[in-house]
C-alpha atoms as a PDB file:
ATOM      1  CA  UNK A   1     114.508 116.479  90.328  1.00  0.00           C
ATOM      2  CA  UNK A   2     115.679 119.561  92.297  1.00  0.00           C
ATOM      3  CA  UNK A   3     112.221 119.961  93.829  1.00  0.00           C
ATOM      4  CA  UNK A   4     112.261 116.287  94.857  1.00  0.00           C
ATOM      5  CA  UNK A   5     115.570 116.742  96.659  1.00  0.00           C
ATOM      6  CA  UNK A   6     114.336 119.931  98.309  1.00  0.00           C
ATOM      7  CA  UNK A   7     111.211 118.189  99.602  1.00  0.00           C
ATOM      8  CA  UNK A   8     113.313 115.282 100.875  1.00  0.00           C
ATOM      9  CA  UNK A   9     115.669 117.747 102.585  1.00  0.00           C
ATOM     10  CA  UNK A  10     112.709 119.487 104.244  1.00  0.00           C
ATOM     11  CA  UNK A  11     111.267 116.226 105.563  1.00  0.00           C
ATOM     12  CA  UNK A  12     114.611 114.974 106.838  1.00  0.00           C
ATOM     13  CA  UNK A  13     115.358 118.311 108.480  1.00  0.00           C
ATOM     14  CA  UNK A  14     111.920 118.327 110.088  1.00  0.00           C
ATOM     15  CA  UNK A  15     112.687 114.940 111.651  1.00  0.00           C
ATOM     16  CA  UNK A  16     116.095 116.081 112.879  1.00  0.00           C
ATOM     17  CA  UNK A  17     114.992 119.416 114.345  1.00  0.00           C
ATOM     18  CA  UNK A  18     111.855 117.932 115.882  1.00  0.00           C
ATOM     19  CA  UNK A  19     113.787 115.139 117.583  1.00  0.00           C
ATOM     20  CA  UNK A  20     116.406 117.552 118.903  1.00  0.00           C
ATOM     21  CA  UNK A  21     113.620 119.533 120.566  1.00  0.00           C
ATOM     22  CA  UNK A  22     111.921 116.335 121.759  1.00  0.00           C
ATOM     23  CA  UNK A  23     115.238 115.312 123.314  1.00  0.00           C
ATOM     24  CA  UNK A  24     115.201 118.540 125.294  1.00  0.00           C
ATOM     25  CA  UNK A  25     111.663 117.770 126.471  1.00  0.00           C
ATOM     26  CA  UNK A  26     112.848 114.334 127.574  1.00  0.00           C
ATOM     27  CA  UNK A  27     115.726 115.812 129.560  1.00  0.00           C
ATOM     28  CA  UNK A  28     113.244 118.189 131.214  1.00  0.00           C
ATOM     29  CA  UNK A  29     111.145 115.177 132.333  1.00  0.00           C
ATOM     30  CA  UNK A  30     108.225 116.223 130.129  1.00  0.00           C
ATOM     31  CA  UNK A  31     108.109 112.766 128.499  1.00  0.00           C
ATOM     32  CA  UNK A  32     107.444 109.998 130.989  1.00  0.00           C
ATOM     33  CA  UNK A  33     108.193 106.982 128.785  1.00  0.00           C
ATOM     34  CA  UNK A  34     111.047 105.496 126.817  1.00  0.00           C
ATOM     35  CA  UNK A  35     111.976 107.421 123.677  1.00  0.00           C
ATOM     36  CA  UNK A  36     114.175 106.055 120.885  1.00  0.00           C
ATOM     37  CA  UNK A  37     115.526 108.725 118.587  1.00  0.00           C
ATOM     38  CA  UNK A  38     115.900 108.368 114.825  1.00  0.00           C
ATOM     39  CA  UNK A  39     118.598 111.036 114.409  1.00  0.00           C
ATOM     40  CA  UNK A  40     121.071 109.942 111.725  1.00  0.00           C
ATOM     41  CA  UNK A  41     118.767 107.442 110.021  1.00  0.00           C
ATOM     42  CA  UNK A  42     116.502 109.989 108.264  1.00  0.00           C
ATOM     43  CA  UNK A  43     117.593 109.035 104.738  1.00  0.00           C
ATOM     44  CA  UNK A  44     116.120 105.560 105.141  1.00  0.00           C
ATOM     45  CA  UNK A  45     112.577 106.569 106.077  1.00  0.00           C
ATOM     46  CA  UNK A  46     112.371 109.412 103.555  1.00  0.00           C
ATOM     47  CA  UNK A  47     114.096 107.481 100.778  1.00  0.00           C
ATOM     48  CA  UNK A  48     111.681 104.573 101.124  1.00  0.00           C
ATOM     49  CA  UNK A  49     108.473 106.507 101.773  1.00  0.00           C
ATOM     50  CA  UNK A  50     109.124 108.807  98.810  1.00  0.00           C
ATOM     51  CA  UNK A  51     108.684 105.708  96.655  1.00  0.00           C
ATOM     52  CA  UNK A  52     105.248 104.913  98.094  1.00  0.00           C
ATOM     53  CA  UNK A  53     101.716 105.901  97.154  1.00  0.00           C
ATOM     54  CA  UNK A  54      99.241 107.201  99.723  1.00  0.00           C
ATOM     55  CA  UNK A  55      97.372 103.873  99.889  1.00  0.00           C
ATOM     56  CA  UNK A  56     100.547 101.904 100.554  1.00  0.00           C
ATOM     57  CA  UNK A  57     100.891 100.936 104.197  1.00  0.00           C
ATOM     58  CA  UNK A  58     103.752 101.369 106.643  1.00  0.00           C
ATOM     59  CA  UNK A  59     104.460  99.705 109.974  1.00  0.00           C
ATOM     60  CA  UNK A  60     107.233 100.684 112.358  1.00  0.00           C
ATOM     61  CA  UNK A  61     108.904  99.758 115.598  1.00  0.00           C
ATOM     62  CA  UNK A  62     110.138 101.396 118.776  1.00  0.00           C
ATOM     63  CA  UNK A  63     112.209 103.950 116.772  1.00  0.00           C
ATOM     64  CA  UNK A  64     109.569 105.229 114.380  1.00  0.00           C
ATOM     65  CA  UNK A  65     109.129 108.988 114.712  1.00  0.00           C
ATOM     66  CA  UNK A  66     110.879 109.300 111.357  1.00  0.00           C
ATOM     67  CA  UNK A  67     108.804 106.588 109.661  1.00  0.00           C
ATOM     68  CA  UNK A  68     105.595 108.310 110.706  1.00  0.00           C
ATOM     69  CA  UNK A  69     106.649 111.768 109.542  1.00  0.00           C
ATOM     70  CA  UNK A  70     108.016 110.375 106.262  1.00  0.00           C
ATOM     71  CA  UNK A  71     104.628 108.779 105.526  1.00  0.00           C
ATOM     72  CA  UNK A  72     103.006 112.194 105.846  1.00  0.00           C
ATOM     73  CA  UNK A  73     102.248 112.177 109.550  1.00  0.00           C
ATOM     74  CA  UNK A  74     101.164 115.137 111.651  1.00  0.00           C
ATOM     75  CA  UNK A  75     103.940 116.520 113.884  1.00  0.00           C
ATOM     76  CA  UNK A  76     101.515 118.143 116.322  1.00  0.00           C
ATOM     77  CA  UNK A  77      99.640 114.896 116.913  1.00  0.00           C
ATOM     78  CA  UNK A  78     102.913 113.006 117.307  1.00  0.00           C
ATOM     79  CA  UNK A  79     104.285 115.367 119.943  1.00  0.00           C
ATOM     80  CA  UNK A  80     100.929 115.353 121.745  1.00  0.00           C
ATOM     81  CA  UNK A  81     101.198 111.566 121.915  1.00  0.00           C
ATOM     82  CA  UNK A  82     104.711 111.731 123.327  1.00  0.00           C
ATOM     83  CA  UNK A  83     103.505 114.135 126.019  1.00  0.00           C
ATOM     84  CA  UNK A  84     100.478 111.985 126.855  1.00  0.00           C
ATOM     85  CA  UNK A  85      97.951 114.540 125.621  1.00  0.00           C
ATOM     86  CA  UNK A  86      94.414 113.855 124.434  1.00  0.00           C
ATOM     87  CA  UNK A  87      95.148 115.257 120.957  1.00  0.00           C
ATOM     88  CA  UNK A  88      97.766 112.571 120.423  1.00  0.00           C
ATOM     89  CA  UNK A  89      97.683 109.791 117.849  1.00  0.00           C
ATOM     90  CA  UNK A  90      96.500 107.283 120.475  1.00  0.00           C
ATOM     91  CA  UNK A  91      94.781 109.885 122.655  1.00  0.00           C
ATOM     92  CA  UNK A  92      97.916 110.138 124.756  1.00  0.00           C
ATOM     93  CA  UNK A  93      97.781 106.520 125.918  1.00  0.00           C
ATOM     94  CA  UNK A  94     100.366 104.961 123.616  1.00  0.00           C
ATOM     95  CA  UNK A  95     103.425 107.153 123.833  1.00  0.00           C
ATOM     96  CA  UNK A  96     106.418 107.157 121.522  1.00  0.00           C
ATOM     97  CA  UNK A  97     106.316 103.442 120.742  1.00  0.00           C
ATOM     98  CA  UNK A  98     102.584 103.029 120.008  1.00  0.00           C
ATOM     99  CA  UNK A  99     101.738 105.451 117.203  1.00  0.00           C
ATOM    100  CA  UNK A 100      98.971 104.890 114.678  1.00  0.00           C
ATOM    101  CA  UNK A 101      97.390 107.118 112.033  1.00  0.00           C
ATOM    102  CA  UNK A 102      95.039 105.526 109.514  1.00  0.00           C
ATOM    103  CA  UNK A 103      94.601 108.851 107.674  1.00  0.00           C
ATOM    104  CA  UNK A 104      98.071 108.378 106.137  1.00  0.00           C
ATOM    105  CA  UNK A 105      97.989 104.555 106.170  1.00  0.00           C
ATOM    106  CA  UNK A 106     100.473 104.365 108.999  1.00  0.00           C
ATOM    107  CA  UNK A 107      99.242 101.076 110.414  1.00  0.00           C
ATOM    108  CA  UNK A 108     101.145 101.399 113.641  1.00  0.00           C
ATOM    109  CA  UNK A 109     104.289 100.853 115.647  1.00  0.00           C
ATOM    110  CA  UNK A 110     105.033  97.992 118.002  1.00  0.00           C
ATOM    111  CA  UNK A 111     107.890  98.010 120.524  1.00  0.00           C
ATOM    112  CA  UNK A 112     108.189  94.231 121.006  1.00  0.00           C
ATOM    113  CA  UNK A 113     111.309  93.293 119.088  1.00  0.00           C
ATOM    114  CA  UNK A 114     110.500  91.871 115.665  1.00  0.00           C
ATOM    115  CA  UNK A 115     106.740  91.902 116.207  1.00  0.00           C
ATOM    116  CA  UNK A 116     106.143  94.347 113.377  1.00  0.00           C
ATOM    117  CA  UNK A 117     107.305  91.760 110.856  1.00  0.00           C
ATOM    118  CA  UNK A 118     104.477  89.182 111.131  1.00  0.00           C
ATOM    119  CA  UNK A 119     101.944  92.010 111.453  1.00  0.00           C
ATOM    120  CA  UNK A 120     103.175  93.452 108.172  1.00  0.00           C
ATOM    121  CA  UNK A 121     102.755  89.999 106.632  1.00  0.00           C
ATOM    122  CA  UNK A 122      99.074  90.099 107.567  1.00  0.00           C
ATOM    123  CA  UNK A 123      98.698  93.545 106.054  1.00  0.00           C
ATOM    124  CA  UNK A 124     100.332  92.445 102.803  1.00  0.00           C
ATOM    125  CA  UNK A 125      98.213  89.289 102.690  1.00  0.00           C
ATOM    126  CA  UNK A 126      95.047  91.391 102.987  1.00  0.00           C
ATOM    127  CA  UNK A 127      96.238  93.615 100.141  1.00  0.00           C
ATOM    128  CA  UNK A 128      96.840  90.613  97.916  1.00  0.00           C
ATOM    129  CA  UNK A 129      93.621  88.834  98.943  1.00  0.00           C
ATOM    130  CA  UNK A 130      91.622  92.003  98.192  1.00  0.00           C
ATOM    131  CA  UNK A 131      93.419  92.373  94.836  1.00  0.00           C
ATOM    132  CA  UNK A 132      94.679  95.819  95.719  1.00  0.00           C
ATOM    133  CA  UNK A 133      97.658  97.203  93.869  1.00  0.00           C
ATOM    134  CA  UNK A 134      99.237  98.398  97.115  1.00  0.00           C
ATOM    135  CA  UNK A 135     102.289  97.381  99.113  1.00  0.00           C
ATOM    136  CA  UNK A 136     103.161  97.114 102.799  1.00  0.00           C
ATOM    137  CA  UNK A 137     106.485  98.282 104.202  1.00  0.00           C
ATOM    138  CA  UNK A 138     107.887  97.061 107.520  1.00  0.00           C
ATOM    139  CA  UNK A 139     110.738  99.008 109.112  1.00  0.00           C
ATOM    140  CA  UNK A 140     112.809  97.161 111.697  1.00  0.00           C
ATOM    141  CA  UNK A 141     116.404  96.937 112.877  1.00  0.00           C
ATOM    142  CA  UNK A 142     119.306  94.527 112.622  1.00  0.00           C
ATOM    143  CA  UNK A 143     118.605  93.227 116.136  1.00  0.00           C
ATOM    144  CA  UNK A 144     114.999  92.444 115.230  1.00  0.00           C
ATOM    145  CA  UNK A 145     116.139  90.635 112.106  1.00  0.00           C
ATOM    146  CA  UNK A 146     117.677  87.988 114.390  1.00  0.00           C
ATOM    147  CA  UNK A 147     114.278  87.084 115.889  1.00  0.00           C
ATOM    148  CA  UNK A 148     112.862  83.726 114.774  1.00  0.00           C
ATOM    149  CA  UNK A 149     109.517  85.161 113.717  1.00  0.00           C
ATOM    150  CA  UNK A 150     111.296  87.132 110.996  1.00  0.00           C
ATOM    151  CA  UNK A 151     112.450  83.921 109.299  1.00  0.00           C
ATOM    152  CA  UNK A 152     108.941  82.455 109.490  1.00  0.00           C
ATOM    153  CA  UNK A 153     107.579  85.614 107.885  1.00  0.00           C
ATOM    154  CA  UNK A 154     110.165  85.568 105.097  1.00  0.00           C
ATOM    155  CA  UNK A 155     108.998  82.064 104.265  1.00  0.00           C
ATOM    156  CA  UNK A 156     105.316  83.052 104.198  1.00  0.00           C
ATOM    157  CA  UNK A 157     106.023  86.156 102.126  1.00  0.00           C
ATOM    158  CA  UNK A 158     107.828  84.078  99.520  1.00  0.00           C
ATOM    159  CA  UNK A 159     105.263  81.254  99.645  1.00  0.00           C
ATOM    160  CA  UNK A 160     102.274  83.559  99.052  1.00  0.00           C
ATOM    161  CA  UNK A 161     104.159  86.069  96.859  1.00  0.00           C
ATOM    162  CA  UNK A 162     103.143  88.970  99.080  1.00  0.00           C
ATOM    163  CA  UNK A 163     103.607  92.662  98.192  1.00  0.00           C
ATOM    164  CA  UNK A 164     105.838  93.167 101.209  1.00  0.00           C
ATOM    165  CA  UNK A 165     108.992  95.269 101.496  1.00  0.00           C
ATOM    166  CA  UNK A 166     111.108  94.498 104.558  1.00  0.00           C
ATOM    167  CA  UNK A 167     113.398  97.435 105.374  1.00  0.00           C
ATOM    168  CA  UNK A 168     116.195  96.382 107.721  1.00  0.00           C
ATOM    169  CA  UNK A 169     117.834  99.453 109.227  1.00  0.00           C
ATOM    170  CA  UNK A 170     121.226  98.098 110.199  1.00  0.00           C
ATOM    171  CA  UNK A 171     122.698 100.706 112.556  1.00  0.00           C
ATOM    172  CA  UNK A 172     125.303  98.171 113.747  1.00  0.00           C
ATOM    173  CA  UNK A 173     123.901  97.764 117.249  1.00  0.00           C
ATOM    174  CA  UNK A 174     121.186  95.957 119.186  1.00  0.00           C
ATOM    175  CA  UNK A 175     121.053  98.378 122.122  1.00  0.00           C
ATOM    176  CA  UNK A 176     124.860  98.419 122.620  1.00  0.00           C
ATOM    177  CA  UNK A 177     125.634  94.887 121.365  1.00  0.00           C
ATOM    178  CA  UNK A 178     127.778  94.843 118.257  1.00  0.00           C
ATOM    179  CA  UNK A 179     127.083  92.646 115.249  1.00  0.00           C
ATOM    180  CA  UNK A 180     130.180  90.542 115.870  1.00  0.00           C
ATOM    181  CA  UNK A 181     129.089  89.857 119.434  1.00  0.00           C
ATOM    182  CA  UNK A 182     125.690  88.533 118.306  1.00  0.00           C
ATOM    183  CA  UNK A 183     126.222  86.731 115.037  1.00  0.00           C
ATOM    184  CA  UNK A 184     128.297  83.772 113.984  1.00  0.00           C
ATOM    185  CA  UNK A 185     131.212  84.517 111.646  1.00  0.00           C
ATOM    186  CA  UNK A 186     129.241  82.986 108.759  1.00  0.00           C
ATOM    187  CA  UNK A 187     126.021  84.938 109.388  1.00  0.00           C
ATOM    188  CA  UNK A 188     124.943  86.438 106.062  1.00  0.00           C
ATOM    189  CA  UNK A 189     121.622  88.254 105.674  1.00  0.00           C
ATOM    190  CA  UNK A 190     121.682  87.993 101.895  1.00  0.00           C
ATOM    191  CA  UNK A 191     122.123  84.209 102.007  1.00  0.00           C
ATOM    192  CA  UNK A 192     119.374  83.860 104.621  1.00  0.00           C
ATOM    193  CA  UNK A 193     116.918  85.997 102.684  1.00  0.00           C
ATOM    194  CA  UNK A 194     117.564  84.558  99.238  1.00  0.00           C
ATOM    195  CA  UNK A 195     117.446  81.080 100.742  1.00  0.00           C
ATOM    196  CA  UNK A 196     113.747  81.659 101.354  1.00  0.00           C
ATOM    197  CA  UNK A 197     113.274  82.977  97.818  1.00  0.00           C
ATOM    198  CA  UNK A 198     113.049  86.609  98.870  1.00  0.00           C
ATOM    199  CA  UNK A 199     114.984  89.210  96.887  1.00  0.00           C
ATOM    200  CA  UNK A 200     117.770  91.073  98.719  1.00  0.00           C
ATOM    201  CA  UNK A 201     119.222  94.527  98.010  1.00  0.00           C
ATOM    202  CA  UNK A 202     121.673  96.553 100.088  1.00  0.00           C
ATOM    203  CA  UNK A 203     121.738 100.354 100.268  1.00  0.00           C
ATOM    204  CA  UNK A 204     123.767 103.089 101.926  1.00  0.00           C
ATOM    205  CA  UNK A 205     121.357 104.184 104.633  1.00  0.00           C
ATOM    206  CA  UNK A 206     123.319 107.388 105.163  1.00  0.00           C
ATOM    207  CA  UNK A 207     122.602 108.490 101.602  1.00  0.00           C
ATOM    208  CA  UNK A 208     119.107 109.603 100.540  1.00  0.00           C
ATOM    209  CA  UNK A 209     119.897 109.300  96.833  1.00  0.00           C
ATOM    210  CA  UNK A 210     121.023 105.689  97.105  1.00  0.00           C
ATOM    211  CA  UNK A 211     118.062 104.611  99.257  1.00  0.00           C
ATOM    212  CA  UNK A 212     115.550 106.514  97.137  1.00  0.00           C
ATOM    213  CA  UNK A 213     116.814 105.180  93.810  1.00  0.00           C
ATOM    214  CA  UNK A 214     116.796 101.569  94.994  1.00  0.00           C
ATOM    215  CA  UNK A 215     113.474 101.875  96.808  1.00  0.00           C
ATOM    216  CA  UNK A 216     111.712 103.295  93.742  1.00  0.00           C
ATOM    217  CA  UNK A 217     112.839 100.377  91.612  1.00  0.00           C
ATOM    218  CA  UNK A 218     112.028  97.812  94.277  1.00  0.00           C
ATOM    219  CA  UNK A 219     108.574  99.076  95.254  1.00  0.00           C
ATOM    220  CA  UNK A 220     107.238  98.577  91.742  1.00  0.00           C
ATOM    221  CA  UNK A 221     108.608  95.038  91.784  1.00  0.00           C
ATOM    222  CA  UNK A 222     107.094  94.404  95.220  1.00  0.00           C
ATOM    223  CA  UNK A 223     103.770  95.640  93.845  1.00  0.00           C
ATOM    224  CA  UNK A 224     103.763  92.659  91.470  1.00  0.00           C
ATOM    225  CA  UNK A 225     104.086  90.173  94.334  1.00  0.00           C
ATOM    226  CA  UNK A 226     107.846  89.937  94.747  1.00  0.00           C
ATOM    227  CA  UNK A 227     108.780  90.309  98.443  1.00  0.00           C
ATOM    228  CA  UNK A 228     112.077  92.120  98.997  1.00  0.00           C
ATOM    229  CA  UNK A 229     114.468  92.809 101.860  1.00  0.00           C
ATOM    230  CA  UNK A 230     116.199  96.190 101.571  1.00  0.00           C
ATOM    231  CA  UNK A 231     119.044  96.353 104.080  1.00  0.00           C
ATOM    232  CA  UNK A 232     120.178  99.903 104.752  1.00  0.00           C
ATOM    233  CA  UNK A 233     123.504 100.374 106.558  1.00  0.00           C
ATOM    234  CA  UNK A 234     123.161 103.497 108.663  1.00  0.00           C
ATOM    235  CA  UNK A 235     124.446 105.234 111.785  1.00  0.00           C
ATOM    236  CA  UNK A 236     122.422 105.857 114.935  1.00  0.00           C
ATOM    237  CA  UNK A 237     123.671 109.226 116.197  1.00  0.00           C
ATOM    238  CA  UNK A 238     122.171 109.028 119.680  1.00  0.00           C
ATOM    239  CA  UNK A 239     122.069 106.208 122.216  1.00  0.00           C
ATOM    240  CA  UNK A 240     119.680 103.263 121.878  1.00  0.00           C
ATOM    241  CA  UNK A 241     117.181 105.084 124.071  1.00  0.00           C
ATOM    242  CA  UNK A 242     117.255 108.691 125.263  1.00  0.00           C
ATOM    243  CA  UNK A 243     119.599 111.362 123.923  1.00  0.00           C
ATOM    244  CA  UNK A 244     122.698 110.120 125.756  1.00  0.00           C
ATOM    245  CA  UNK A 245     125.848 110.494 123.714  1.00  0.00           C
ATOM    246  CA  UNK A 246     127.924 107.544 124.870  1.00  0.00           C
ATOM    247  CA  UNK A 247     130.860 107.091 122.515  1.00  0.00           C
ATOM    248  CA  UNK A 248     132.574 104.328 124.469  1.00  0.00           C
ATOM    249  CA  UNK A 249     131.107 101.345 122.614  1.00  0.00           C
ATOM    250  CA  UNK A 250     131.428 102.684 119.077  1.00  0.00           C
ATOM    251  CA  UNK A 251     134.101 101.486 116.660  1.00  0.00           C
ATOM    252  CA  UNK A 252     133.089 102.360 113.086  1.00  0.00           C
ATOM    253  CA  UNK A 253     130.426 105.010 113.703  1.00  0.00           C
ATOM    254  CA  UNK A 254     132.496 107.387 115.806  1.00  0.00           C
ATOM    255  CA  UNK A 255     131.550 111.072 115.944  1.00  0.00           C
ATOM    256  CA  UNK A 256     133.873 112.117 113.133  1.00  0.00           C
ATOM    257  CA  UNK A 257     132.499 109.401 110.821  1.00  0.00           C
ATOM    258  CA  UNK A 258     128.896 110.214 111.695  1.00  0.00           C
ATOM    259  CA  UNK A 259     129.466 113.875 110.865  1.00  0.00           C
ATOM    260  CA  UNK A 260     131.188 112.963 107.596  1.00  0.00           C
ATOM    261  CA  UNK A 261     128.323 110.705 106.508  1.00  0.00           C
ATOM    262  CA  UNK A 262     125.469 112.763 107.933  1.00  0.00           C
ATOM    263  CA  UNK A 263     122.571 112.243 105.472  1.00  0.00           C
ATOM    264  CA  UNK A 264     121.235 115.763 105.905  1.00  0.00           C
ATOM    265  CA  UNK A 265     124.649 117.270 105.269  1.00  0.00           C
ATOM    266  CA  UNK A 266     124.881 115.184 102.090  1.00  0.00           C
ATOM    267  CA  UNK A 267     121.535 116.190 100.624  1.00  0.00           C
ATOM    268  CA  UNK A 268     122.156 119.826 101.542  1.00  0.00           C
ATOM    269  CA  UNK A 269     125.339 119.654  99.465  1.00  0.00           C
ATOM    270  CA  UNK A 270     123.332 118.281  96.537  1.00  0.00           C
ATOM    271  CA  UNK A 271     120.996 121.259  96.758  1.00  0.00           C
ATOM    272  CA  UNK A 272     123.887 123.727  96.948  1.00  0.00           C
ATOM    273  CA  UNK A 273     125.449 122.170  93.858  1.00  0.00           C
ATOM    274  CA  UNK A 274     122.083 122.406  92.074  1.00  0.00           C
ATOM    275  CA  UNK A 275     122.111 126.175  92.465  1.00  0.00           C
ATOM    276  CA  UNK A 276     120.364 126.882  95.765  1.00  0.00           C
ATOM    277  CA  UNK A 277     122.101 129.387  98.026  1.00  0.00           C
ATOM    278  CA  UNK A 278     123.033 129.086 101.691  1.00  0.00           C
ATOM    279  CA  UNK A 279     120.540 131.907 102.372  1.00  0.00           C
ATOM    280  CA  UNK A 280     117.669 130.003 100.721  1.00  0.00           C
ATOM    281  CA  UNK A 281     118.451 126.863 102.702  1.00  0.00           C
ATOM    282  CA  UNK A 282     118.813 128.881 105.899  1.00  0.00           C
ATOM    283  CA  UNK A 283     115.324 130.311 105.304  1.00  0.00           C
ATOM    284  CA  UNK A 284     114.005 126.772 104.838  1.00  0.00           C
ATOM    285  CA  UNK A 285     115.567 125.743 108.138  1.00  0.00           C
ATOM    286  CA  UNK A 286     114.081 128.767 109.916  1.00  0.00           C
ATOM    287  CA  UNK A 287     110.587 127.883 108.650  1.00  0.00           C
ATOM    288  CA  UNK A 288     110.952 124.299 109.850  1.00  0.00           C
ATOM    289  CA  UNK A 289     112.225 125.412 113.266  1.00  0.00           C
ATOM    290  CA  UNK A 290     109.210 127.681 113.571  1.00  0.00           C
ATOM    291  CA  UNK A 291     106.888 124.782 112.689  1.00  0.00           C
ATOM    292  CA  UNK A 292     108.566 122.536 115.268  1.00  0.00           C
ATOM    293  CA  UNK A 293     108.345 125.115 118.047  1.00  0.00           C
ATOM    294  CA  UNK A 294     104.695 125.877 117.221  1.00  0.00           C
ATOM    295  CA  UNK A 295     103.910 122.165 117.302  1.00  0.00           C
ATOM    296  CA  UNK A 296     105.556 121.783 120.698  1.00  0.00           C
ATOM    297  CA  UNK A 297     103.623 124.761 122.063  1.00  0.00           C
ATOM    298  CA  UNK A 298     100.396 123.261 120.725  1.00  0.00           C
ATOM    299  CA  UNK A 299     101.188 120.004 122.469  1.00  0.00           C
ATOM    300  CA  UNK A 300     102.220 121.652 125.711  1.00  0.00           C
ATOM    301  CA  UNK A 301      98.958 123.641 125.746  1.00  0.00           C
ATOM    302  CA  UNK A 302      96.808 120.592 124.932  1.00  0.00           C
ATOM    303  CA  UNK A 303      94.822 118.799 127.621  1.00  0.00           C
ATOM    304  CA  UNK A 304      95.535 115.421 129.169  1.00  0.00           C
ATOM    305  CA  UNK A 305      92.895 112.710 128.559  1.00  0.00           C
ATOM    306  CA  UNK A 306      89.980 113.008 131.023  1.00  0.00           C
ATOM    307  CA  UNK A 307      89.822 110.456 133.837  1.00  0.00           C
ATOM    308  CA  UNK A 308      86.532 109.145 132.413  1.00  0.00           C
ATOM    309  CA  UNK A 309      88.422 107.873 129.333  1.00  0.00           C
ATOM    310  CA  UNK A 310      90.847 105.782 131.393  1.00  0.00           C
ATOM    311  CA  UNK A 311      89.473 102.486 130.049  1.00  0.00           C
ATOM    312  CA  UNK A 312      88.500 103.546 126.510  1.00  0.00           C
ATOM    313  CA  UNK A 313      90.499 102.951 123.319  1.00  0.00           C
ATOM    314  CA  UNK A 314      92.558 100.280 125.050  1.00  0.00           C
ATOM    315  CA  UNK A 315      93.490  96.847 123.670  1.00  0.00           C
ATOM    316  CA  UNK A 316      95.220  94.015 125.472  1.00  0.00           C
END
């Protein structure tokens, strides 16, 4: 169990430290596209992906650096993609919001709000049709959940009994719009989901242990053809896009609360209570920082795609 927590801590810390450095690259105008940071939501991606097998598939959205790394993705390739380099996941032509890596069954990310949901339905249908014992996981946010296509997909998932896990990362905002400004007073995700015949479970998205425990139980159920919505309540530490720290619109997730519920701080405390020392965890952090900086250097030194490839590997 201790080794599981340590590995989860390492993966979550890798996400956090990598995104902090990527934020610096963005501020230095090294990244010429929108970037949506996952800082604060690490427990969701790691908690869910730790419950998956290698052949299980994952799809993400515009905020998916963490989903990719949690599924076993390659940090160097990811940073190359963000910088538009040829060694990137989409040969530098997709950027932060169009990542794909079949080697780890990361099917891809799509920035159009809610679009990942019907695509994940297709993936799960293929798995069932082919009689595979695998599942598909779709990560999307509370804003995307309000798109009509999500309700159509819930219906199809229940109708065909698809091995599909919907992970709703509810960080309380759609860009800067609060839940109460977007939803009727009677809006209830659980009632909506169960009304279609899809199982609903809620987790503390700021707590790796809670997400992990619930995800492990649910994934095995999903594998038998029971579609599930796992709603994780979490805090987005940065702005919707870019590393701007605008506190003006926040009510519940103010800085003090975010620091108190920081998922990495929580799992670090678990490791300390299990017997690990501050020195051991500091050494772990140093190794991860070194990996992040080496990956950035690799990406910075990599070449841009040649002009001759301008029209290759493109889909429209």
